[in-house]
Structures are given as C-alpha cells and as structure tokens.
Amino acid sequence: YQRRVRGLLSVILLMGVSGSGKTTIGKELRNQIPSSIYLDGDSYHPNENVEKMKAGKPLTDEDRLAWLNKLSGVIDEEVSKFQDRITVIGCSALKKKYRDLLIQKNKKGIMLVYLKGSFDLIDSRLKKRTGHFMPSTLLQSQFEALEEPTEDEEPKIVDVSQKIEDIGKEIASEFYKRRNEINIV
C-alpha cells in the first residue's frame, strides 16, 4: 500500500489544438492506465467562451484567463489528493504562459503530453467531427497561437497520425517510466 504524496506524478496533461485527439486519447488512456479518470478541459469553459467559439471567434488571452485559473485549481486538487488514481486532463494549452499557469505549482506531479499533428490531418478530422462547439474554421487561429512545448517543459511529444491504441500505449509507457523514476521508494 502506497499513500500518494505531494509531488508524485499523478496528472497527465494532454495538450494540442482542437481536433488533435485529446478526448479520444484521454478515454483510451483509461484502458491503458486502469486507475485513471479523464477530465475534459473544455467542460470548464465559461458559457461566454463557448458562445464566442460557436460564433467562429477565436478566444483572446483575456477570455482564457478565468478558464485557465479554474483548470489550474482542478489540477492542484488532483495532484494533492491522497487517493490512488491518475487524472488525465485534456486542454489545448496552446501557449507556454498557459502551460506555466496550469503546471507552475505542481511540476513534479504533472506529465505534459503534446499531441502533435499536421494542419491537414487535424483539419480533416475536425471536418468529420459532430457535436462539438469548436468549428473547423478556428483551426488556423489555433495553429497560429500554438507555441510548441520546449525541452525545459519536459513534454512527451506524440505523433497523432498513429492508431489511438498505439498512442495510448506510448503515453502510458512513458507515464509509468517517469513515475517510477520520480518515486523510487
């Protein structure tokens, strides 16, 4: 029996543009990491943000601030819990300053995963997607805003052109490897 301690790697933050597969891969990780749950960062957006995106208008940094602060609080809570589970959170986190806000207090408790794909691949996926508030017309603005994570952020970079199951296995393998390196008891 191992009690979770603050700093134990317990959160996987899936980042990438809309359509990169955050939700699909987050749900796949439940198969790969049985003790995991998935939280969709989009569900924490204020209604004003959702309506703005539905109207085809990109969000500004100011629009995102309340959403990012709320998600940061969720991440803090998940990292500090003492139950034996892993939390996977999907969030675009397009800019370094957004990731810094989300991760700042809990760097050792979070593994950043960048779901990387070409514009053409992701655009084709978005055009097939139904039931999401983010129109494919905003994809270009997401790629323009995207600041790919740098080495100092220690991201796991995953090519999203692979099969979902393979992506899930790759992320889970890296997660367990990092968790064991950090938490040798």
N, C-alpha and C. Protein backbone atom coordinates (compact mmCIF):
# COMPACT_ATOMS: atom_id res chain seq x y z
N TYR A 1 0.85 -1.19 0.00
CA TYR A 1 0.00 0.00 0.00
C TYR A 1 0.88 1.23 0.00
N GLN A 2 0.67 2.06 -0.99
CA GLN A 2 1.47 3.29 -1.06
C GLN A 2 0.54 4.49 -1.03
N ARG A 3 0.73 5.37 -0.10
CA ARG A 3 -0.06 6.57 0.00
C ARG A 3 0.50 7.61 -0.94
N ARG A 4 -0.37 8.31 -1.64
CA ARG A 4 0.09 9.35 -2.55
C ARG A 4 0.67 10.51 -1.76
N VAL A 5 1.82 10.99 -2.18
CA VAL A 5 2.43 12.14 -1.54
C VAL A 5 2.51 13.27 -2.55
N ARG A 6 2.47 14.49 -2.06
CA ARG A 6 2.55 15.64 -2.95
C ARG A 6 3.83 15.55 -3.77
N GLY A 7 3.69 15.74 -5.06
CA GLY A 7 4.85 15.66 -5.93
C GLY A 7 4.89 14.35 -6.70
N LEU A 8 4.08 13.37 -6.28
CA LEU A 8 4.02 12.11 -7.01
C LEU A 8 3.35 12.38 -8.36
N LEU A 9 3.94 11.87 -9.42
CA LEU A 9 3.38 12.05 -10.76
C LEU A 9 2.00 11.42 -10.80
N SER A 10 0.97 12.26 -10.92
CA SER A 10 -0.40 11.76 -10.86
C SER A 10 -1.34 12.39 -11.87
N VAL A 11 -0.85 13.36 -12.65
CA VAL A 11 -1.69 14.02 -13.65
C VAL A 11 -0.99 13.97 -15.00
N ILE A 12 -1.75 13.60 -16.03
CA ILE A 12 -1.28 13.66 -17.40
C ILE A 12 -2.06 14.78 -18.07
N LEU A 13 -1.36 15.81 -18.54
CA LEU A 13 -2.00 16.94 -19.22
C LEU A 13 -1.79 16.77 -20.72
N LEU A 14 -2.89 16.44 -21.42
CA LEU A 14 -2.86 16.29 -22.87
C LEU A 14 -3.11 17.64 -23.49
N MET A 15 -2.15 18.14 -24.28
CA MET A 15 -2.31 19.44 -24.89
C MET A 15 -2.21 19.32 -26.41
N GLY A 16 -2.84 20.25 -27.09
CA GLY A 16 -2.79 20.31 -28.54
C GLY A 16 -3.98 21.08 -29.07
N VAL A 17 -3.92 21.37 -30.35
CA VAL A 17 -5.00 22.13 -30.97
C VAL A 17 -6.29 21.31 -30.97
N SER A 18 -7.40 21.98 -31.21
CA SER A 18 -8.68 21.31 -31.33
C SER A 18 -8.61 20.27 -32.45
N GLY A 19 -9.06 19.07 -32.16
CA GLY A 19 -9.02 18.01 -33.16
C GLY A 19 -7.78 17.14 -33.10
N SER A 20 -6.86 17.45 -32.18
CA SER A 20 -5.63 16.65 -32.08
C SER A 20 -5.87 15.31 -31.39
N GLY A 21 -7.03 15.15 -30.77
CA GLY A 21 -7.38 13.87 -30.17
C GLY A 21 -7.36 13.83 -28.66
N LYS A 22 -7.42 14.97 -28.01
CA LYS A 22 -7.31 15.00 -26.55
C LYS A 22 -8.37 14.11 -25.87
N THR A 23 -9.61 14.26 -26.26
CA THR A 23 -10.68 13.48 -25.63
C THR A 23 -10.58 12.01 -25.99
N THR A 24 -10.38 11.70 -27.25
CA THR A 24 -10.27 10.32 -27.70
C THR A 24 -9.10 9.61 -27.02
N ILE A 25 -7.96 10.27 -26.97
CA ILE A 25 -6.78 9.67 -26.34
C ILE A 25 -6.95 9.61 -24.82
N GLY A 26 -7.56 10.64 -24.25
CA GLY A 26 -7.84 10.62 -22.81
C GLY A 26 -8.69 9.43 -22.42
N LYS A 27 -9.70 9.14 -23.23
CA LYS A 27 -10.55 7.98 -22.96
C LYS A 27 -9.79 6.67 -23.19
N GLU A 28 -8.92 6.63 -24.20
CA GLU A 28 -8.10 5.44 -24.45
C GLU A 28 -7.17 5.17 -23.27
N LEU A 29 -6.68 6.23 -22.65
CA LEU A 29 -5.77 6.04 -21.52
C LEU A 29 -6.44 5.34 -20.35
N ARG A 30 -7.76 5.42 -20.27
CA ARG A 30 -8.47 4.66 -19.22
C ARG A 30 -8.27 3.16 -19.42
N ASN A 31 -8.10 2.73 -20.68
CA ASN A 31 -7.82 1.31 -20.95
C ASN A 31 -6.37 0.96 -20.60
N GLN A 32 -5.47 1.91 -20.82
CA GLN A 32 -4.04 1.67 -20.62
C GLN A 32 -3.62 1.86 -19.16
N ILE A 33 -4.30 2.75 -18.47
CA ILE A 33 -3.99 3.05 -17.06
C ILE A 33 -5.30 2.87 -16.28
N PRO A 34 -5.54 1.66 -15.80
CA PRO A 34 -6.85 1.34 -15.22
C PRO A 34 -7.30 2.26 -14.08
N SER A 35 -6.38 2.83 -13.34
CA SER A 35 -6.78 3.68 -12.21
C SER A 35 -7.00 5.14 -12.64
N SER A 36 -7.13 5.39 -13.94
CA SER A 36 -7.23 6.78 -14.39
C SER A 36 -8.66 7.22 -14.64
N ILE A 37 -8.84 8.52 -14.56
CA ILE A 37 -10.10 9.16 -14.96
C ILE A 37 -9.74 10.22 -15.99
N TYR A 38 -10.71 10.62 -16.80
CA TYR A 38 -10.47 11.66 -17.80
C TYR A 38 -11.36 12.86 -17.52
N LEU A 39 -10.75 14.04 -17.51
CA LEU A 39 -11.48 15.30 -17.37
C LEU A 39 -11.25 16.13 -18.63
N ASP A 40 -12.32 16.55 -19.26
CA ASP A 40 -12.23 17.36 -20.47
C ASP A 40 -12.16 18.83 -20.10
N GLY A 41 -11.03 19.44 -20.38
CA GLY A 41 -10.83 20.85 -20.04
C GLY A 41 -11.88 21.76 -20.65
N ASP A 42 -12.42 21.39 -21.80
CA ASP A 42 -13.45 22.22 -22.44
C ASP A 42 -14.68 22.39 -21.55
N SER A 43 -14.97 21.40 -20.71
CA SER A 43 -16.16 21.49 -19.87
C SER A 43 -16.03 22.55 -18.78
N TYR A 44 -14.83 23.10 -18.62
CA TYR A 44 -14.60 24.14 -17.61
C TYR A 44 -14.67 25.55 -18.20
N HIS A 45 -14.89 25.65 -19.52
CA HIS A 45 -15.02 26.97 -20.15
C HIS A 45 -16.28 27.67 -19.67
N PRO A 46 -16.20 28.97 -19.40
CA PRO A 46 -17.42 29.73 -19.11
C PRO A 46 -18.31 29.75 -20.37
N ASN A 47 -19.60 29.89 -20.17
CA ASN A 47 -20.54 29.92 -21.30
C ASN A 47 -20.18 30.97 -22.34
N GLU A 48 -19.67 32.11 -21.89
CA GLU A 48 -19.31 33.18 -22.83
C GLU A 48 -18.25 32.70 -23.82
N ASN A 49 -17.28 31.93 -23.34
CA ASN A 49 -16.23 31.41 -24.22
C ASN A 49 -16.82 30.44 -25.24
N VAL A 50 -17.68 29.56 -24.77
CA VAL A 50 -18.29 28.57 -25.67
C VAL A 50 -19.10 29.28 -26.75
N GLU A 51 -19.89 30.27 -26.36
CA GLU A 51 -20.70 31.01 -27.34
C GLU A 51 -19.82 31.75 -28.34
N LYS A 52 -18.74 32.30 -27.87
CA LYS A 52 -17.82 33.02 -28.76
C LYS A 52 -17.22 32.06 -29.79
N MET A 53 -16.79 30.88 -29.33
CA MET A 53 -16.21 29.91 -30.26
C MET A 53 -17.27 29.38 -31.23
N LYS A 54 -18.49 29.13 -30.73
CA LYS A 54 -19.57 28.69 -31.61
C LYS A 54 -19.80 29.69 -32.73
N ALA A 55 -19.61 30.96 -32.41
CA ALA A 55 -19.81 32.03 -33.40
C ALA A 55 -18.62 32.16 -34.34
N GLY A 56 -17.60 31.32 -34.14
CA GLY A 56 -16.44 31.33 -35.03
C GLY A 56 -15.40 32.38 -34.68
N LYS A 57 -15.45 32.87 -33.44
CA LYS A 57 -14.49 33.90 -33.00
C LYS A 57 -13.45 33.27 -32.09
N PRO A 58 -12.17 33.47 -32.40
CA PRO A 58 -11.13 32.91 -31.53
C PRO A 58 -11.11 33.59 -30.17
N LEU A 59 -10.73 32.86 -29.15
CA LEU A 59 -10.62 33.42 -27.81
C LEU A 59 -9.34 34.23 -27.68
N THR A 60 -9.41 35.26 -26.86
CA THR A 60 -8.22 36.07 -26.55
C THR A 60 -7.59 35.52 -25.27
N ASP A 61 -6.39 36.01 -24.97
CA ASP A 61 -5.75 35.63 -23.71
C ASP A 61 -6.65 35.99 -22.53
N GLU A 62 -7.29 37.14 -22.62
CA GLU A 62 -8.18 37.59 -21.54
C GLU A 62 -9.37 36.64 -21.38
N ASP A 63 -9.93 36.19 -22.53
CA ASP A 63 -11.04 35.23 -22.48
C ASP A 63 -10.63 33.95 -21.77
N ARG A 64 -9.42 33.51 -22.00
CA ARG A 64 -8.96 32.22 -21.48
C ARG A 64 -8.55 32.27 -20.01
N LEU A 65 -8.29 33.43 -19.47
CA LEU A 65 -7.72 33.53 -18.12
C LEU A 65 -8.58 32.86 -17.05
N ALA A 66 -9.87 33.15 -16.99
CA ALA A 66 -10.73 32.55 -15.96
C ALA A 66 -10.78 31.03 -16.13
N TRP A 67 -10.82 30.58 -17.38
CA TRP A 67 -10.85 29.15 -17.68
C TRP A 67 -9.56 28.48 -17.21
N LEU A 68 -8.43 29.08 -17.53
CA LEU A 68 -7.14 28.51 -17.13
C LEU A 68 -6.97 28.50 -15.61
N ASN A 69 -7.42 29.56 -14.95
CA ASN A 69 -7.35 29.60 -13.49
C ASN A 69 -8.21 28.50 -12.86
N LYS A 70 -9.38 28.27 -13.43
CA LYS A 70 -10.25 27.22 -12.92
C LYS A 70 -9.59 25.85 -13.12
N LEU A 71 -9.04 25.62 -14.30
CA LEU A 71 -8.35 24.35 -14.57
C LEU A 71 -7.12 24.18 -13.69
N SER A 72 -6.41 25.25 -13.44
CA SER A 72 -5.25 25.19 -12.56
C SER A 72 -5.67 24.71 -11.17
N GLY A 73 -6.80 25.21 -10.70
CA GLY A 73 -7.33 24.77 -9.41
C GLY A 73 -7.69 23.29 -9.41
N VAL A 74 -8.27 22.82 -10.51
CA VAL A 74 -8.61 21.40 -10.64
C VAL A 74 -7.33 20.57 -10.61
N ILE A 75 -6.32 21.00 -11.33
CA ILE A 75 -5.05 20.26 -11.37
C ILE A 75 -4.42 20.23 -9.98
N ASP A 76 -4.39 21.38 -9.29
CA ASP A 76 -3.85 21.42 -7.93
C ASP A 76 -4.56 20.41 -7.03
N GLU A 77 -5.87 20.38 -7.14
CA GLU A 77 -6.65 19.47 -6.30
C GLU A 77 -6.34 18.01 -6.64
N GLU A 78 -6.25 17.71 -7.92
CA GLU A 78 -5.97 16.33 -8.33
C GLU A 78 -4.57 15.88 -7.88
N VAL A 79 -3.59 16.75 -8.00
CA VAL A 79 -2.22 16.39 -7.61
C VAL A 79 -2.14 16.17 -6.10
N SER A 80 -2.90 16.94 -5.34
CA SER A 80 -2.77 16.87 -3.89
C SER A 80 -3.65 15.80 -3.24
N LYS A 81 -4.50 15.15 -4.00
CA LYS A 81 -5.36 14.11 -3.42
C LYS A 81 -4.53 12.92 -2.97
N PHE A 82 -5.04 12.21 -1.99
CA PHE A 82 -4.33 11.05 -1.46
C PHE A 82 -4.98 9.75 -1.88
N GLN A 83 -5.77 9.76 -2.94
CA GLN A 83 -6.34 8.50 -3.41
C GLN A 83 -5.50 7.97 -4.56
N ASP A 84 -5.59 6.71 -4.77
CA ASP A 84 -4.74 6.06 -5.76
C ASP A 84 -5.40 6.09 -7.14
N ARG A 85 -5.30 7.22 -7.79
CA ARG A 85 -5.80 7.33 -9.15
C ARG A 85 -4.94 8.30 -9.93
N ILE A 86 -5.04 8.17 -11.24
CA ILE A 86 -4.33 9.05 -12.16
C ILE A 86 -5.38 9.89 -12.86
N THR A 87 -5.15 11.17 -12.98
CA THR A 87 -6.08 12.06 -13.66
C THR A 87 -5.48 12.49 -14.99
N VAL A 88 -6.24 12.27 -16.05
CA VAL A 88 -5.85 12.72 -17.38
C VAL A 88 -6.74 13.90 -17.72
N ILE A 89 -6.11 15.02 -18.08
CA ILE A 89 -6.86 16.23 -18.41
C ILE A 89 -6.51 16.66 -19.82
N GLY A 90 -7.54 16.89 -20.63
CA GLY A 90 -7.34 17.41 -21.98
C GLY A 90 -7.57 18.91 -21.98
N CYS A 91 -6.59 19.64 -22.48
CA CYS A 91 -6.67 21.11 -22.50
C CYS A 91 -5.76 21.60 -23.62
N SER A 92 -6.24 22.51 -24.44
CA SER A 92 -5.43 22.97 -25.58
C SER A 92 -4.07 23.52 -25.13
N ALA A 93 -4.04 24.33 -24.07
CA ALA A 93 -2.78 24.85 -23.50
C ALA A 93 -1.81 25.28 -24.60
N LEU A 94 -2.29 26.08 -25.53
CA LEU A 94 -1.55 26.40 -26.74
C LEU A 94 -0.28 27.22 -26.51
N LYS A 95 -0.29 28.07 -25.49
CA LYS A 95 0.86 28.95 -25.27
C LYS A 95 1.62 28.54 -24.01
N LYS A 96 2.90 28.83 -24.01
CA LYS A 96 3.74 28.50 -22.86
C LYS A 96 3.20 29.14 -21.58
N LYS A 97 2.76 30.38 -21.68
CA LYS A 97 2.26 31.05 -20.46
C LYS A 97 1.01 30.36 -19.92
N TYR A 98 0.21 29.73 -20.79
CA TYR A 98 -0.95 28.98 -20.32
C TYR A 98 -0.48 27.73 -19.58
N ARG A 99 0.50 27.04 -20.17
CA ARG A 99 1.02 25.82 -19.53
C ARG A 99 1.70 26.16 -18.21
N ASP A 100 2.42 27.27 -18.18
CA ASP A 100 3.06 27.69 -16.93
C ASP A 100 2.02 27.90 -15.84
N LEU A 101 0.91 28.53 -16.19
CA LEU A 101 -0.15 28.77 -15.22
C LEU A 101 -0.75 27.45 -14.73
N LEU A 102 -0.93 26.51 -15.63
CA LEU A 102 -1.54 25.23 -15.27
C LEU A 102 -0.60 24.35 -14.44
N ILE A 103 0.68 24.43 -14.72
CA ILE A 103 1.65 23.49 -14.15
C ILE A 103 2.48 24.06 -13.01
N GLN A 104 2.57 25.37 -12.91
CA GLN A 104 3.53 26.05 -12.05
C GLN A 104 3.69 25.48 -10.65
N LYS A 105 2.61 25.17 -9.98
CA LYS A 105 2.70 24.73 -8.58
C LYS A 105 3.03 23.25 -8.45
N ASN A 106 2.86 22.50 -9.51
CA ASN A 106 2.92 21.04 -9.40
C ASN A 106 3.75 20.38 -10.49
N LYS A 107 4.85 20.98 -10.86
CA LYS A 107 5.64 20.46 -11.98
C LYS A 107 5.97 18.97 -11.84
N LYS A 108 6.34 18.55 -10.64
CA LYS A 108 6.70 17.13 -10.44
C LYS A 108 5.49 16.21 -10.48
N GLY A 109 4.30 16.76 -10.30
CA GLY A 109 3.10 15.93 -10.28
C GLY A 109 2.42 15.79 -11.63
N ILE A 110 2.94 16.48 -12.67
CA ILE A 110 2.25 16.54 -13.95
C ILE A 110 3.19 16.11 -15.08
N MET A 111 2.67 15.27 -15.96
CA MET A 111 3.38 14.94 -17.20
C MET A 111 2.66 15.64 -18.35
N LEU A 112 3.38 16.48 -19.05
CA LEU A 112 2.83 17.20 -20.20
C LEU A 112 3.00 16.34 -21.45
N VAL A 113 1.90 16.13 -22.17
CA VAL A 113 1.92 15.37 -23.42
C VAL A 113 1.41 16.28 -24.53
N TYR A 114 2.25 16.49 -25.53
CA TYR A 114 1.89 17.32 -26.68
C TYR A 114 1.43 16.41 -27.81
N LEU A 115 0.16 16.53 -28.17
CA LEU A 115 -0.42 15.76 -29.26
C LEU A 115 -0.20 16.54 -30.54
N LYS A 116 0.80 16.12 -31.29
CA LYS A 116 1.27 16.87 -32.45
C LYS A 116 0.78 16.24 -33.75
N GLY A 117 0.24 17.08 -34.60
CA GLY A 117 -0.22 16.62 -35.90
C GLY A 117 -0.19 17.74 -36.91
N SER A 118 -0.20 17.39 -38.17
CA SER A 118 -0.17 18.41 -39.23
C SER A 118 -1.52 19.10 -39.34
N PHE A 119 -1.51 20.29 -39.90
CA PHE A 119 -2.75 21.03 -40.11
C PHE A 119 -3.71 20.21 -40.95
N ASP A 120 -3.23 19.62 -42.03
CA ASP A 120 -4.11 18.88 -42.94
C ASP A 120 -4.77 17.69 -42.25
N LEU A 121 -4.01 16.93 -41.46
CA LEU A 121 -4.57 15.79 -40.75
C LEU A 121 -5.66 16.24 -39.78
N ILE A 122 -5.35 17.23 -38.98
CA ILE A 122 -6.29 17.67 -37.95
C ILE A 122 -7.51 18.35 -38.59
N ASP A 123 -7.29 19.11 -39.64
CA ASP A 123 -8.40 19.74 -40.36
C ASP A 123 -9.36 18.68 -40.89
N SER A 124 -8.82 17.59 -41.44
CA SER A 124 -9.69 16.53 -41.97
C SER A 124 -10.50 15.89 -40.84
N ARG A 125 -9.89 15.75 -39.66
CA ARG A 125 -10.62 15.18 -38.51
C ARG A 125 -11.73 16.13 -38.04
N LEU A 126 -11.41 17.41 -37.96
CA LEU A 126 -12.40 18.37 -37.49
C LEU A 126 -13.61 18.45 -38.41
N LYS A 127 -13.37 18.33 -39.70
CA LYS A 127 -14.48 18.41 -40.67
C LYS A 127 -15.42 17.21 -40.55
N LYS A 128 -14.94 16.11 -39.98
CA LYS A 128 -15.77 14.92 -39.78
C LYS A 128 -16.44 14.91 -38.41
N ARG A 129 -15.97 15.75 -37.51
CA ARG A 129 -16.45 15.73 -36.13
C ARG A 129 -17.83 16.39 -36.03
N THR A 130 -18.68 15.80 -35.21
CA THR A 130 -20.00 16.39 -34.98
C THR A 130 -20.19 16.58 -33.47
N GLY A 131 -21.06 17.51 -33.13
CA GLY A 131 -21.44 17.70 -31.74
C GLY A 131 -20.44 18.44 -30.87
N HIS A 132 -19.51 19.17 -31.49
CA HIS A 132 -18.55 19.96 -30.70
C HIS A 132 -18.72 21.42 -31.05
N PHE A 133 -18.55 22.28 -30.04
CA PHE A 133 -18.79 23.70 -30.27
C PHE A 133 -17.71 24.40 -31.07
N MET A 134 -16.56 23.78 -31.22
CA MET A 134 -15.43 24.42 -31.89
C MET A 134 -15.51 24.15 -33.40
N PRO A 135 -15.79 25.19 -34.20
CA PRO A 135 -15.86 24.97 -35.64
C PRO A 135 -14.46 24.81 -36.26
N SER A 136 -14.39 24.04 -37.34
CA SER A 136 -13.11 23.80 -38.00
C SER A 136 -12.50 25.09 -38.54
N THR A 137 -13.33 26.12 -38.73
CA THR A 137 -12.82 27.40 -39.23
C THR A 137 -11.85 28.07 -38.26
N LEU A 138 -11.88 27.67 -36.99
CA LEU A 138 -10.97 28.27 -35.99
C LEU A 138 -9.63 27.54 -35.90
N LEU A 139 -9.47 26.45 -36.64
CA LEU A 139 -8.24 25.68 -36.54
C LEU A 139 -7.01 26.52 -36.91
N GLN A 140 -7.11 27.31 -37.95
CA GLN A 140 -5.97 28.14 -38.36
C GLN A 140 -5.53 29.06 -37.23
N SER A 141 -6.49 29.66 -36.53
CA SER A 141 -6.13 30.55 -35.41
C SER A 141 -5.45 29.77 -34.29
N GLN A 142 -5.83 28.50 -34.10
CA GLN A 142 -5.19 27.69 -33.06
C GLN A 142 -3.74 27.38 -33.45
N PHE A 143 -3.51 27.04 -34.69
CA PHE A 143 -2.13 26.78 -35.14
C PHE A 143 -1.29 28.06 -35.05
N GLU A 144 -1.90 29.20 -35.33
CA GLU A 144 -1.17 30.47 -35.23
C GLU A 144 -0.81 30.79 -33.78
N ALA A 145 -1.69 30.46 -32.86
CA ALA A 145 -1.44 30.73 -31.44
C ALA A 145 -0.50 29.70 -30.80
N LEU A 146 -0.41 28.52 -31.40
CA LEU A 146 0.34 27.41 -30.81
C LEU A 146 1.83 27.74 -30.65
N GLU A 147 2.30 27.57 -29.42
CA GLU A 147 3.73 27.61 -29.11
C GLU A 147 4.08 26.20 -28.67
N GLU A 148 4.76 25.47 -29.55
CA GLU A 148 5.09 24.10 -29.21
C GLU A 148 5.92 24.05 -27.93
N PRO A 149 5.68 23.06 -27.08
CA PRO A 149 6.43 22.98 -25.83
C PRO A 149 7.93 22.80 -26.10
N THR A 150 8.71 23.40 -25.24
CA THR A 150 10.16 23.36 -25.36
C THR A 150 10.73 22.31 -24.41
N GLU A 151 11.99 22.00 -24.62
CA GLU A 151 12.67 20.97 -23.84
C GLU A 151 12.55 21.20 -22.33
N ASP A 152 12.62 22.46 -21.91
CA ASP A 152 12.56 22.76 -20.46
C ASP A 152 11.21 22.40 -19.85
N GLU A 153 10.17 22.22 -20.68
CA GLU A 153 8.86 21.81 -20.18
C GLU A 153 8.76 20.28 -20.05
N GLU A 154 9.78 19.58 -20.54
CA GLU A 154 9.86 18.13 -20.49
C GLU A 154 8.61 17.45 -21.05
N PRO A 155 8.20 17.84 -22.27
CA PRO A 155 6.99 17.23 -22.82
C PRO A 155 7.27 15.85 -23.41
N LYS A 156 6.25 15.03 -23.41
CA LYS A 156 6.25 13.81 -24.20
C LYS A 156 5.53 14.22 -25.49
N ILE A 157 6.23 14.16 -26.61
CA ILE A 157 5.64 14.57 -27.88
C ILE A 157 5.17 13.32 -28.61
N VAL A 158 3.90 13.32 -28.99
CA VAL A 158 3.28 12.16 -29.62
C VAL A 158 2.74 12.54 -30.99
N ASP A 159 3.07 11.72 -31.98
CA ASP A 159 2.57 11.91 -33.34
C ASP A 159 1.15 11.35 -33.40
N VAL A 160 0.17 12.21 -33.66
CA VAL A 160 -1.24 11.78 -33.62
C VAL A 160 -1.71 11.10 -34.90
N SER A 161 -0.80 10.87 -35.83
CA SER A 161 -1.21 10.14 -37.03
C SER A 161 -1.21 8.62 -36.78
N GLN A 162 -0.73 8.20 -35.62
CA GLN A 162 -0.71 6.78 -35.25
C GLN A 162 -2.10 6.31 -34.84
N LYS A 163 -2.25 4.98 -34.69
CA LYS A 163 -3.50 4.41 -34.19
C LYS A 163 -3.69 4.86 -32.73
N ILE A 164 -4.93 5.08 -32.35
CA ILE A 164 -5.26 5.55 -31.00
C ILE A 164 -4.70 4.61 -29.93
N GLU A 165 -4.86 3.32 -30.12
CA GLU A 165 -4.36 2.35 -29.13
C GLU A 165 -2.84 2.47 -28.98
N ASP A 166 -2.14 2.66 -30.09
CA ASP A 166 -0.68 2.80 -30.02
C ASP A 166 -0.28 4.07 -29.30
N ILE A 167 -1.03 5.14 -29.54
CA ILE A 167 -0.76 6.41 -28.84
C ILE A 167 -0.97 6.21 -27.33
N GLY A 168 -2.07 5.55 -26.98
CA GLY A 168 -2.35 5.29 -25.57
C GLY A 168 -1.25 4.48 -24.91
N LYS A 169 -0.78 3.45 -25.59
CA LYS A 169 0.30 2.61 -25.05
C LYS A 169 1.59 3.42 -24.88
N GLU A 170 1.89 4.26 -25.87
CA GLU A 170 3.11 5.08 -25.81
C GLU A 170 3.08 6.05 -24.63
N ILE A 171 1.94 6.70 -24.44
CA ILE A 171 1.81 7.65 -23.33
C ILE A 171 1.86 6.92 -21.99
N ALA A 172 1.13 5.82 -21.88
CA ALA A 172 1.11 5.06 -20.62
C ALA A 172 2.50 4.55 -20.27
N SER A 173 3.22 4.06 -21.26
CA SER A 173 4.57 3.56 -21.02
C SER A 173 5.47 4.67 -20.49
N GLU A 174 5.40 5.84 -21.11
CA GLU A 174 6.21 6.98 -20.67
C GLU A 174 5.79 7.43 -19.27
N PHE A 175 4.49 7.41 -19.01
CA PHE A 175 3.99 7.81 -17.70
C PHE A 175 4.56 6.90 -16.61
N TYR A 176 4.45 5.59 -16.80
CA TYR A 176 4.95 4.66 -15.79
C TYR A 176 6.46 4.77 -15.62
N LYS A 177 7.16 4.98 -16.72
CA LYS A 177 8.62 5.15 -16.66
C LYS A 177 8.96 6.38 -15.81
N ARG A 178 8.31 7.51 -16.10
CA ARG A 178 8.60 8.73 -15.34
C ARG A 178 8.16 8.60 -13.89
N ARG A 179 7.05 7.99 -13.67
CA ARG A 179 6.54 7.85 -12.31
C ARG A 179 7.50 7.02 -11.47
N ASN A 180 8.03 5.97 -12.05
CA ASN A 180 8.99 5.13 -11.32
C ASN A 180 10.31 5.84 -11.08
N GLU A 181 10.75 6.67 -12.04
CA GLU A 181 12.00 7.43 -11.85
C GLU A 181 11.86 8.45 -10.74
N ILE A 182 10.71 9.10 -10.67
CA ILE A 182 10.50 10.17 -9.69
C ILE A 182 10.23 9.60 -8.30
N ASN A 183 9.56 8.44 -8.25
CA ASN A 183 9.02 7.97 -6.98
C ASN A 183 9.66 6.68 -6.49
N ILE A 184 10.94 6.54 -6.68
CA ILE A 184 11.60 5.36 -6.17
C ILE A 184 11.55 5.40 -4.65
N VAL A 185 10.95 4.37 -4.07
CA VAL A 185 10.75 4.33 -2.61
C VAL A 185 11.75 3.39 -1.99
